[in-house]
Amino acid sequence: MWWQAERFSAKSRHLETRMAVIRAMRSWFEEQGFWEVETPALQVSPGMEAHLRAMRTEITNATQDRVDALFLHTSPEFAMKKLLVAGLPKIFQICHCYRNAEGSRLHSPEFTMLEWYRARSGYREIMDDCVSLLRACARGANVVEFRHRDVIANPFSEWERISVCDAFRNYAAIDIEPLLDDTRAIRAAAIARGLHTSDDDSWDDLFFRIFLEFIEPRLGFGRPTILFDYPVSMAALSRPKPEDPRFAERFEVYVCGLELANAFGELSDAKVQRERFEADLRLKEQLYGEIWPVDRGFIAALEEGMPEAGGIALGVDRLAMLASGADDIDQVLWCGRPGADAPQ
């Protein structure tokens, strides 16, 4: 059991590093003039990403004559964007999030997320935030490099910033631009690189098969990597690039081969957002036989007018792993994964 003193003491140094990382986070945001906000974990909609699985619960009113279905949020994104509409310019939140059907050395069904948003900004400003914040966290944890297994990354060196197109060219020897929205062509490219494909693979399936095999394992080695400008089909909550709407203002941060954060130049067009949600719902029903409700309050907030903004979600547990050198997420969770002490 995790609470046995000998077992707990084995991970105490990782937890001390976790505390130092979170202290440094809060100090950095305070210095930057952000407000720390708290939004409810219980939401009408847990999020709309097609491949995420949510946790459902119920809420009974005081007179016990009405029961409503609610979800534990997979991210505080919708609620925080409503606060942008309400007029807050710079906000952050460190909170627990919940995703079903997850559990591995890098995943827990309950985990800690950091999200922050800058109104009247874009994803380029959020990129700069990431560099400054991770360096502050490294200093706060008294480490000069992040580590995962035998891979290191120095956050104080010049970060790699590479587009998705360049990453495909450099690491997979594939020019992805002519293949956009052409399933037959990207399947041929995957086969040529020795990957297995099937007739029912979608364009996105084939993209990620190439990405996971040739690209992701090479990101964030020696120094953190910012991978930016994804195909617009892979960024449901980000706006298209004005200069090339085939791509979206989205980037991810990779450190030591681990995906650490996912960021958007935020989509604020209510009509386009509703259409993207409907497409996600159709895909979710097709894949998993379930449909989540749309947060109509979020759509109404976009209709009211959300300012131009950049935002990002960062995995706090993974950052604590990288700062402490932990191999398993359980080493940086105070009480282990949910249910870890249940009698067998």
Protein backbone atom coordinates (compact mmCIF):
# COMPACT_ATOMS: atom_id res chain seq x y z
CA MET A 1 0.00 0.00 0.00
CA TRP A 2 1.28 3.48 -0.87
CA TRP A 3 0.71 4.72 2.70
CA GLN A 4 3.15 2.26 4.25
CA ALA A 5 6.03 4.39 5.50
CA GLU A 6 8.80 2.50 3.75
CA ARG A 7 7.07 2.63 0.36
CA PHE A 8 6.09 6.29 0.77
CA SER A 9 9.58 7.37 1.75
CA ALA A 10 10.91 5.94 -1.51
CA LYS A 11 9.13 8.68 -3.45
CA SER A 12 9.46 11.54 -0.96
CA ARG A 13 12.26 13.24 -2.93
CA HIS A 14 10.05 13.27 -6.03
CA LEU A 15 7.23 14.85 -4.02
CA GLU A 16 9.58 17.49 -2.60
CA THR A 17 10.50 18.40 -6.18
CA ARG A 18 6.80 18.53 -7.09
CA MET A 19 6.19 21.04 -4.29
CA ALA A 20 9.10 23.18 -5.47
CA VAL A 21 7.83 23.14 -9.06
CA ILE A 22 4.33 24.25 -8.04
CA ARG A 23 5.68 26.99 -5.77
CA ALA A 24 7.79 28.29 -8.65
CA MET A 25 4.75 28.18 -10.98
CA ARG A 26 2.65 30.30 -8.69
CA SER A 27 5.48 32.77 -8.13
CA TRP A 28 6.02 33.13 -11.89
CA PHE A 29 2.35 33.84 -12.58
CA GLU A 30 2.15 36.32 -9.70
CA GLU A 31 5.19 38.16 -11.08
CA GLN A 32 3.52 38.28 -14.51
CA GLY A 33 0.33 39.79 -13.08
CA PHE A 34 -1.98 36.82 -13.66
CA TRP A 35 -5.05 36.14 -11.53
CA GLU A 36 -5.33 32.64 -10.11
CA VAL A 37 -8.89 31.45 -10.67
CA GLU A 38 -10.93 28.46 -9.55
CA THR A 39 -13.66 26.96 -11.72
CA PRO A 40 -15.99 24.04 -10.92
CA ALA A 41 -14.89 20.50 -11.72
CA LEU A 42 -18.55 19.57 -12.34
CA GLN A 43 -19.63 20.72 -15.79
CA VAL A 44 -22.51 20.24 -18.23
CA SER A 45 -19.95 19.15 -20.82
CA PRO A 46 -16.57 17.66 -19.89
CA GLY A 47 -14.92 18.80 -23.14
CA MET A 48 -15.44 17.81 -26.75
CA GLU A 49 -12.25 16.04 -27.87
CA ALA A 50 -13.45 12.93 -29.67
CA HIS A 51 -10.96 10.48 -28.19
CA LEU A 52 -11.26 11.50 -24.54
CA ARG A 53 -13.47 9.46 -22.22
CA ALA A 54 -15.23 11.31 -19.40
CA MET A 55 -16.54 10.48 -15.93
CA ARG A 56 -20.25 10.99 -15.46
CA THR A 57 -22.03 11.77 -12.22
CA GLU A 58 -25.37 13.16 -11.03
CA ILE A 59 -26.47 16.16 -9.02
CA THR A 60 -29.71 16.14 -7.03
CA ASN A 61 -31.41 19.39 -6.10
CA ALA A 62 -32.24 20.34 -2.52
CA THR A 63 -35.81 19.06 -2.70
CA GLN A 64 -34.61 15.81 -4.32
CA ASP A 65 -37.22 16.05 -7.06
CA ARG A 66 -34.74 16.60 -9.89
CA VAL A 67 -31.57 14.79 -10.90
CA ASP A 68 -29.28 16.22 -13.57
CA ALA A 69 -26.40 14.46 -15.28
CA LEU A 70 -23.07 16.25 -15.01
CA PHE A 71 -19.48 15.37 -15.83
CA LEU A 72 -16.13 15.82 -14.13
CA HIS A 73 -14.21 18.11 -16.45
CA THR A 74 -11.40 16.78 -18.61
CA SER A 75 -10.06 20.35 -18.65
CA PRO A 76 -11.18 23.70 -17.20
CA GLU A 77 -10.98 25.27 -20.66
CA PHE A 78 -14.62 26.19 -21.28
CA ALA A 79 -15.09 27.79 -17.86
CA MET A 80 -11.84 29.75 -18.09
CA LYS A 81 -12.74 31.11 -21.51
CA LYS A 82 -16.04 32.35 -20.08
CA LEU A 83 -13.93 34.34 -17.61
CA LEU A 84 -12.13 35.91 -20.58
CA VAL A 85 -15.52 36.96 -21.91
CA ALA A 86 -16.28 38.37 -18.45
CA GLY A 87 -13.30 40.69 -18.87
CA LEU A 88 -10.35 39.05 -17.09
CA PRO A 89 -7.15 39.68 -19.08
CA LYS A 90 -4.64 37.13 -17.72
CA ILE A 91 -5.69 34.05 -15.77
CA PHE A 92 -4.26 30.72 -14.65
CA GLN A 93 -5.49 27.69 -12.76
CA ILE A 94 -3.88 24.60 -11.22
CA CYS A 95 -6.58 21.98 -10.81
CA HIS A 96 -7.44 18.30 -10.86
CA CYS A 97 -8.89 16.93 -14.09
CA TYR A 98 -10.45 13.57 -14.85
CA ARG A 99 -10.23 11.29 -17.87
CA ASN A 100 -11.62 7.78 -18.01
CA ALA A 101 -9.96 4.74 -19.57
CA GLU A 102 -6.47 6.09 -18.78
CA GLY A 103 -3.74 4.54 -16.69
CA SER A 104 -0.07 3.94 -17.47
CA ARG A 105 3.30 5.10 -16.23
CA LEU A 106 2.53 8.47 -17.88
CA HIS A 107 -1.24 8.68 -17.23
CA SER A 108 -3.59 8.74 -14.28
CA PRO A 109 -7.39 9.03 -14.51
CA GLU A 110 -7.15 11.90 -12.01
CA PHE A 111 -4.28 14.28 -12.66
CA THR A 112 -3.19 17.88 -12.17
CA MET A 113 -3.45 20.40 -14.98
CA LEU A 114 -2.10 23.92 -15.29
CA GLU A 115 -3.98 26.14 -17.73
CA TRP A 116 -3.38 29.78 -18.50
CA TYR A 117 -4.82 32.33 -20.92
CA ARG A 118 -3.77 35.74 -22.16
CA ALA A 119 -6.43 37.99 -23.65
CA ARG A 120 -5.40 40.17 -26.60
CA SER A 121 -2.52 37.80 -27.29
CA GLY A 122 -1.76 34.85 -29.54
CA TYR A 123 0.07 31.56 -29.49
CA ARG A 124 3.45 33.19 -30.05
CA GLU A 125 3.18 34.95 -26.68
CA ILE A 126 2.25 31.63 -25.06
CA MET A 127 5.37 30.05 -26.59
CA ASP A 128 7.48 32.70 -24.87
CA ASP A 129 5.59 32.05 -21.61
CA CYS A 130 6.51 28.37 -21.81
CA VAL A 131 10.22 29.09 -22.11
CA SER A 132 10.20 31.51 -19.19
CA LEU A 133 7.95 29.39 -16.97
CA LEU A 134 9.84 26.11 -17.41
CA ARG A 135 13.12 27.85 -16.70
CA ALA A 136 11.59 29.32 -13.53
CA CYS A 137 10.34 25.89 -12.48
CA ALA A 138 13.77 24.36 -13.07
CA ARG A 139 15.39 27.07 -10.95
CA GLY A 140 12.75 26.61 -8.25
CA ALA A 141 13.38 22.86 -8.16
CA ASN A 142 17.14 23.47 -8.18
CA VAL A 143 17.73 21.42 -11.33
CA VAL A 144 19.79 22.35 -14.38
CA GLU A 145 18.14 19.87 -16.72
CA PHE A 146 14.98 17.83 -17.10
CA ARG A 147 15.31 14.06 -17.29
CA HIS A 148 13.18 11.11 -18.33
CA ARG A 149 14.90 7.74 -18.17
CA ASP A 150 18.12 8.14 -20.17
CA VAL A 151 17.06 11.34 -21.99
CA ILE A 152 17.88 14.86 -20.80
CA ALA A 153 16.76 18.32 -21.92
CA ASN A 154 18.26 21.61 -20.83
CA PRO A 155 15.52 24.28 -20.51
CA PHE A 156 18.16 27.03 -20.30
CA SER A 157 19.50 26.30 -23.79
CA GLU A 158 17.92 27.70 -26.96
CA TRP A 159 14.65 25.82 -27.48
CA GLU A 160 13.92 24.07 -30.75
CA ARG A 161 10.95 25.59 -32.58
CA ILE A 162 9.87 23.49 -35.55
CA SER A 163 6.69 23.39 -37.65
CA VAL A 164 4.77 20.16 -38.16
CA CYS A 165 5.62 20.32 -41.88
CA ASP A 166 9.33 20.66 -41.19
CA ALA A 167 9.20 17.85 -38.61
CA PHE A 168 7.64 15.51 -41.18
CA ARG A 169 10.31 16.47 -43.71
CA ASN A 170 13.22 16.18 -41.28
CA TYR A 171 12.25 13.06 -39.35
CA ALA A 172 9.96 11.08 -41.67
CA ALA A 173 11.21 12.25 -45.08
CA ILE A 174 7.62 13.13 -46.03
CA ASP A 175 6.36 16.41 -47.46
CA ILE A 176 2.98 16.61 -45.72
CA GLU A 177 1.68 19.78 -47.40
CA PRO A 178 0.65 18.16 -50.73
CA LEU A 179 -1.00 15.34 -48.75
CA LEU A 180 -3.40 17.49 -46.71
CA ASP A 181 -6.94 16.02 -46.86
CA ASP A 182 -5.76 13.35 -49.33
CA THR A 183 -6.21 10.03 -47.54
CA ARG A 184 -5.02 7.95 -50.46
CA ALA A 185 -1.81 9.94 -50.78
CA ILE A 186 -0.92 9.89 -47.09
CA ARG A 187 -1.66 6.15 -46.98
CA ALA A 188 0.82 5.65 -49.83
CA ALA A 189 3.40 7.71 -47.92
CA ALA A 190 2.87 5.61 -44.79
CA ILE A 191 3.23 2.36 -46.72
CA ALA A 192 6.38 3.65 -48.39
CA ARG A 193 7.84 4.21 -44.91
CA GLY A 194 7.04 0.59 -43.95
CA LEU A 195 3.96 1.24 -41.81
CA HIS A 196 0.90 -0.99 -41.69
CA THR A 197 -2.35 0.60 -42.87
CA SER A 198 -5.95 -0.54 -43.30
CA ASP A 199 -8.74 0.53 -45.62
CA ASP A 200 -10.75 2.15 -42.82
CA ASP A 201 -7.91 4.39 -41.62
CA SER A 202 -8.84 8.06 -41.68
CA TRP A 203 -6.44 10.81 -42.72
CA ASP A 204 -5.89 11.65 -39.05
CA ASP A 205 -5.21 7.99 -38.20
CA LEU A 206 -2.47 7.83 -40.83
CA PHE A 207 -1.00 11.19 -39.81
CA PHE A 208 -0.62 10.04 -36.22
CA ARG A 209 0.74 6.63 -37.21
CA ILE A 210 3.59 8.38 -39.02
CA PHE A 211 3.92 10.97 -36.28
CA LEU A 212 4.14 8.46 -33.42
CA GLU A 213 6.58 6.21 -35.25
CA PHE A 214 9.05 8.70 -36.68
CA ILE A 215 8.56 12.13 -35.13
CA GLU A 216 7.38 12.18 -31.51
CA PRO A 217 10.19 9.91 -30.22
CA ARG A 218 12.74 12.46 -31.49
CA LEU A 219 11.28 15.62 -29.95
CA GLY A 220 12.68 17.39 -26.92
CA PHE A 221 16.02 15.60 -26.82
CA GLY A 222 18.80 17.76 -25.39
CA ARG A 223 16.50 20.77 -25.27
CA PRO A 224 12.73 21.35 -25.18
CA THR A 225 10.89 21.44 -28.49
CA ILE A 226 7.93 23.57 -29.56
CA LEU A 227 6.11 21.83 -32.41
CA PHE A 228 3.75 24.29 -34.10
CA ASP A 229 1.18 24.78 -36.87
CA TYR A 230 -0.85 21.58 -37.02
CA PRO A 231 -3.26 20.81 -39.87
CA VAL A 232 -6.49 22.65 -39.10
CA SER A 233 -8.43 19.38 -38.78
CA MET A 234 -6.42 18.62 -35.63
CA ALA A 235 -7.17 21.76 -33.67
CA ALA A 236 -10.85 21.89 -32.73
CA LEU A 237 -10.45 24.83 -30.34
CA SER A 238 -7.85 26.89 -32.19
CA ARG A 239 -8.22 29.44 -34.92
CA PRO A 240 -6.87 28.94 -38.45
CA LYS A 241 -3.69 30.79 -39.37
CA PRO A 242 -4.73 33.97 -41.21
CA GLU A 243 -1.88 33.59 -43.72
CA ASP A 244 -2.58 29.89 -44.41
CA PRO A 245 -5.95 28.53 -43.19
CA ARG A 246 -4.91 24.96 -43.99
CA PHE A 247 -3.07 25.10 -40.67
CA ALA A 248 -4.12 26.08 -37.17
CA GLU A 249 -2.45 28.22 -34.52
CA ARG A 250 -1.63 25.25 -32.33
CA PHE A 251 1.60 24.09 -30.74
CA GLU A 252 2.74 21.40 -28.36
CA VAL A 253 5.73 21.35 -26.02
CA TYR A 254 7.87 18.22 -25.91
CA VAL A 255 10.56 17.54 -23.33
CA CYS A 256 12.65 14.35 -23.35
CA GLY A 257 10.24 12.80 -25.85
CA LEU A 258 7.22 13.47 -23.60
CA GLU A 259 4.29 15.65 -24.63
CA LEU A 260 4.07 18.24 -21.86
CA ALA A 261 1.68 20.96 -23.06
CA ASN A 262 -0.85 21.77 -25.79
CA ALA A 263 -1.58 25.38 -26.80
CA PHE A 264 -3.87 27.31 -29.12
CA GLY A 265 -4.41 30.70 -30.59
CA GLU A 266 -7.99 30.43 -29.38
CA LEU A 267 -10.94 30.12 -31.73
CA SER A 268 -13.57 32.76 -30.89
CA ASP A 269 -16.02 32.32 -33.81
CA ALA A 270 -19.15 30.78 -32.26
CA LYS A 271 -20.52 29.45 -35.56
CA VAL A 272 -17.30 27.70 -36.52
CA GLN A 273 -16.89 26.36 -32.98
CA ARG A 274 -20.39 24.87 -33.01
CA GLU A 275 -19.70 23.18 -36.35
CA ARG A 276 -16.46 21.69 -35.05
CA PHE A 277 -18.19 20.41 -31.92
CA GLU A 278 -20.87 18.74 -34.03
CA ALA A 279 -18.18 17.03 -36.11
CA ASP A 280 -16.45 15.83 -32.93
CA LEU A 281 -19.72 14.45 -31.60
CA ARG A 282 -20.36 12.50 -34.78
CA LEU A 283 -16.90 10.99 -34.58
CA LYS A 284 -17.27 10.16 -30.87
CA GLU A 285 -20.57 8.39 -31.51
CA GLN A 286 -19.03 6.46 -34.39
CA LEU A 287 -15.98 5.38 -32.38
CA TYR A 288 -17.38 4.90 -28.89
CA GLY A 289 -21.16 4.86 -29.20
CA GLU A 290 -21.63 7.84 -26.91
CA ILE A 291 -22.47 11.53 -27.24
CA TRP A 292 -21.63 14.29 -24.80
CA PRO A 293 -23.79 17.39 -24.47
CA VAL A 294 -22.50 20.66 -25.91
CA ASP A 295 -21.89 23.41 -23.36
CA ARG A 296 -24.40 25.86 -24.78
CA GLY A 297 -23.28 28.45 -22.24
CA PHE A 298 -19.83 28.33 -23.80
CA ILE A 299 -21.25 28.89 -27.29
CA ALA A 300 -23.35 31.78 -25.90
CA ALA A 301 -20.21 33.27 -24.34
CA LEU A 302 -18.44 33.15 -27.71
CA GLU A 303 -21.46 34.84 -29.29
CA GLU A 304 -21.23 37.53 -26.63
CA GLY A 305 -17.65 38.10 -27.73
CA MET A 306 -14.44 36.51 -26.52
CA PRO A 307 -11.35 38.65 -27.09
CA GLU A 308 -8.46 37.38 -29.14
CA ALA A 309 -6.50 35.13 -26.81
CA GLY A 310 -3.82 32.51 -26.47
CA GLY A 311 -4.14 29.61 -24.07
CA ILE A 312 -2.42 26.41 -23.02
CA ALA A 313 -2.82 23.29 -20.88
CA LEU A 314 0.28 21.81 -19.23
CA GLY A 315 0.56 18.52 -17.32
CA VAL A 316 1.84 19.34 -13.83
CA ASP A 317 2.51 15.71 -12.92
CA ARG A 318 4.65 15.20 -16.03
CA LEU A 319 6.61 18.38 -15.33
CA ALA A 320 7.23 17.11 -11.79
CA MET A 321 8.43 13.81 -13.29
CA LEU A 322 10.82 15.62 -15.61
CA ALA A 323 12.20 17.84 -12.83
CA SER A 324 12.66 14.95 -10.37
CA GLY A 325 13.73 12.26 -12.84
CA ALA A 326 10.78 10.02 -11.93
CA ASP A 327 10.05 7.11 -14.28
CA ASP A 328 6.39 6.65 -13.33
CA ILE A 329 3.65 9.19 -12.67
CA ASP A 330 2.82 7.33 -9.45
CA GLN A 331 6.10 8.61 -8.00
CA VAL A 332 4.86 12.22 -8.10
CA LEU A 333 1.27 11.58 -6.95
CA TRP A 334 0.83 12.03 -3.21
CA CYS A 335 -1.59 9.13 -2.79
CA GLY A 336 -0.88 7.17 -5.93
CA ARG A 337 -3.32 6.56 -8.74
CA PRO A 338 -7.02 6.53 -7.74
CA GLY A 339 -7.91 3.13 -6.28
CA ALA A 340 -4.29 2.16 -5.74
CA ASP A 341 -4.97 1.19 -2.12
CA ALA A 342 -8.22 -0.69 -2.74
CA PRO A 343 -8.20 -4.20 -1.20
CA GLN A 344 -7.58 -6.94 -3.75
